[in-house]
Amino acid sequence: SGTALKVAGKHADVFELAAGSPDEVRQLIERARGAAAEHGRAGRLRFALPVRIHADGWSGTPDHKAVEIAGPPARIALALLPYAALGIEEFMISGIDRPGEIVRIGRETITLLANSLARREAEIPQPGAFASSPFAEHRIG
């Protein structure tokens, strides 16, 4: 709600997002950052997203309180990548409860996600990256 965004913009350090598609979540992040900017806090607000992990092959009915993901760590990482690229720093995981499973899935998913984000950042050209190109020194004609 608008009131919740105003309160969060003024006081929150971490804003818990509602589950949704990456585009819906992006829109909510923009609204929350706008509310925080009104109080000079745009850069201080972090975001958390509830995620429910299911066993591979799960075909149940989603409860809409968390982003629902089923599968091995690689599939989980791919599903979380668009959200992490939006700047979400915290994923509140539910659905896995055995300690060994939590460690294995968490470690593998985090590694895959971090590597994917690093590759994405490396592929984005930096401003001025092409200024020293030999083509910039030659004129045609």
Protein backbone atom coordinates (compact mmCIF):
# COMPACT_ATOMS: atom_id res chain seq x y z
CA SER A 1 0.00 0.00 0.00
CA GLY A 2 1.02 3.62 -0.36
CA THR A 3 1.10 4.11 3.40
CA ALA A 4 3.40 1.12 3.89
CA LEU A 5 5.75 2.48 1.22
CA LYS A 6 5.86 5.88 2.92
CA VAL A 7 6.65 4.36 6.31
CA ALA A 8 9.27 2.04 4.80
CA GLY A 9 10.79 4.92 2.85
CA LYS A 10 11.24 6.89 6.04
CA HIS A 11 12.30 4.16 8.48
CA ALA A 12 13.20 0.80 6.90
CA ASP A 13 16.67 -0.55 6.28
CA VAL A 14 15.36 -3.74 4.62
CA PHE A 15 12.12 -3.82 2.64
CA GLU A 16 10.43 -7.21 2.29
CA LEU A 17 9.02 -7.44 -1.20
CA ALA A 18 5.81 -9.17 -2.18
CA ALA A 19 6.19 -12.22 -4.41
CA GLY A 20 5.75 -11.51 -8.08
CA SER A 21 7.33 -11.69 -11.50
CA PRO A 22 10.66 -9.91 -11.95
CA ASP A 23 8.84 -7.03 -13.66
CA GLU A 24 6.30 -6.68 -10.83
CA VAL A 25 9.09 -6.79 -8.26
CA ARG A 26 11.11 -4.21 -10.24
CA GLN A 27 8.12 -1.84 -10.16
CA LEU A 28 7.74 -2.27 -6.41
CA ILE A 29 11.47 -1.66 -5.88
CA GLU A 30 11.20 1.57 -7.90
CA ARG A 31 8.25 2.72 -5.79
CA ALA A 32 10.07 1.89 -2.54
CA ARG A 33 13.24 3.67 -3.67
CA GLY A 34 11.15 6.68 -4.65
CA ALA A 35 9.58 6.76 -1.18
CA ALA A 36 13.02 6.45 0.43
CA ALA A 37 14.41 9.21 -1.82
CA GLU A 38 11.81 11.62 -0.41
CA HIS A 39 13.62 11.24 2.92
CA GLY A 40 17.17 11.25 1.50
CA ARG A 41 17.48 7.48 2.03
CA ALA A 42 17.33 6.03 -1.50
CA GLY A 43 20.74 4.38 -1.27
CA ARG A 44 20.18 3.01 2.23
CA LEU A 45 17.23 0.73 1.45
CA ARG A 46 17.96 -2.97 0.83
CA PHE A 47 15.49 -5.53 -0.45
CA ALA A 48 14.49 -9.05 0.61
CA LEU A 49 12.32 -11.50 -1.33
CA PRO A 50 10.49 -14.55 0.08
CA VAL A 51 11.31 -17.70 -1.92
CA ARG A 52 9.85 -21.18 -1.42
CA ILE A 53 11.95 -24.05 -2.77
CA HIS A 54 10.25 -27.32 -3.68
CA ALA A 55 11.53 -30.74 -4.64
CA ASP A 56 12.20 -31.28 -8.33
CA GLY A 57 8.98 -32.17 -10.13
CA TRP A 58 6.71 -30.25 -7.73
CA SER A 59 3.40 -29.34 -9.36
CA GLY A 60 1.38 -28.06 -6.43
CA THR A 61 -0.67 -24.92 -6.14
CA PRO A 62 1.36 -21.79 -5.32
CA ASP A 63 0.35 -19.83 -2.22
CA HIS A 64 1.41 -16.44 -3.71
CA LYS A 65 3.26 -15.48 -0.51
CA ALA A 66 6.65 -16.39 -1.97
CA VAL A 67 8.29 -16.87 -5.33
CA GLU A 68 7.91 -20.62 -5.95
CA ILE A 69 10.87 -22.52 -7.42
CA ALA A 70 11.26 -26.26 -7.94
CA GLY A 71 14.38 -28.10 -8.97
CA PRO A 72 18.09 -28.53 -8.43
CA PRO A 73 20.44 -25.67 -7.43
CA ALA A 74 21.18 -24.73 -11.06
CA ARG A 75 17.48 -24.20 -11.80
CA ILE A 76 17.04 -22.29 -8.53
CA ALA A 77 19.99 -20.01 -9.40
CA LEU A 78 18.60 -19.34 -12.89
CA ALA A 79 15.20 -18.49 -11.42
CA LEU A 80 16.74 -16.12 -8.84
CA LEU A 81 19.12 -14.42 -11.28
CA PRO A 82 16.60 -11.85 -12.63
CA TYR A 83 15.70 -10.89 -9.05
CA ALA A 84 19.33 -10.60 -7.94
CA ALA A 85 20.03 -8.45 -11.01
CA LEU A 86 17.38 -6.03 -9.70
CA GLY A 87 19.49 -5.50 -6.60
CA ILE A 88 17.80 -7.88 -4.19
CA GLU A 89 20.41 -8.83 -1.62
CA GLU A 90 18.43 -11.13 0.64
CA PHE A 91 16.38 -14.17 -0.27
CA MET A 92 14.25 -15.52 2.58
CA ILE A 93 14.22 -19.24 1.78
CA SER A 94 11.60 -21.70 2.98
CA GLY A 95 10.63 -25.18 1.89
CA ILE A 96 13.87 -26.97 2.71
CA ASP A 97 14.38 -27.99 6.30
CA ARG A 98 17.00 -30.73 6.61
CA PRO A 99 20.36 -29.20 7.65
CA GLY A 100 22.39 -31.08 5.03
CA GLU A 101 19.94 -30.11 2.29
CA ILE A 102 20.00 -26.47 3.39
CA VAL A 103 23.80 -26.38 3.28
CA ARG A 104 24.11 -28.19 -0.07
CA ILE A 105 21.39 -26.28 -1.91
CA GLY A 106 22.41 -22.97 -0.35
CA ARG A 107 26.10 -23.33 -1.13
CA GLU A 108 25.57 -24.52 -4.72
CA THR A 109 22.86 -21.97 -5.48
CA ILE A 110 24.83 -19.05 -4.03
CA THR A 111 27.96 -20.03 -5.96
CA LEU A 112 26.06 -20.34 -9.26
CA LEU A 113 24.20 -17.09 -8.67
CA ALA A 114 27.34 -15.14 -7.73
CA ASN A 115 29.23 -16.47 -10.76
CA SER A 116 26.35 -15.60 -13.10
CA LEU A 117 26.11 -12.06 -11.73
CA ALA A 118 29.88 -11.58 -12.05
CA ARG A 119 29.77 -12.76 -15.68
CA ARG A 120 26.89 -10.39 -16.43
CA GLU A 121 28.80 -7.45 -14.96
CA ALA A 122 31.93 -8.37 -16.93
CA GLU A 123 29.94 -8.43 -20.17
CA ILE A 124 28.54 -4.91 -19.73
CA PRO A 125 30.78 -2.39 -21.54
CA GLN A 126 32.09 0.34 -19.26
CA PRO A 127 31.80 4.01 -20.32
CA GLY A 128 34.76 4.97 -22.46
CA ALA A 129 35.75 1.35 -23.06
CA PHE A 130 35.95 1.91 -26.79
CA ALA A 131 37.56 5.37 -26.74
CA SER A 132 41.05 3.97 -27.22
CA SER A 133 40.00 1.97 -30.26
CA PRO A 134 42.27 2.52 -33.29
CA PHE A 135 39.12 3.34 -35.26
CA ALA A 136 38.59 6.47 -33.17
CA GLU A 137 41.93 7.89 -34.39
CA HIS A 138 41.24 7.57 -38.11
CA ARG A 139 38.92 9.67 -40.20
CA ILE A 140 37.27 8.47 -43.33
CA GLY A 141 37.44 10.73 -46.34
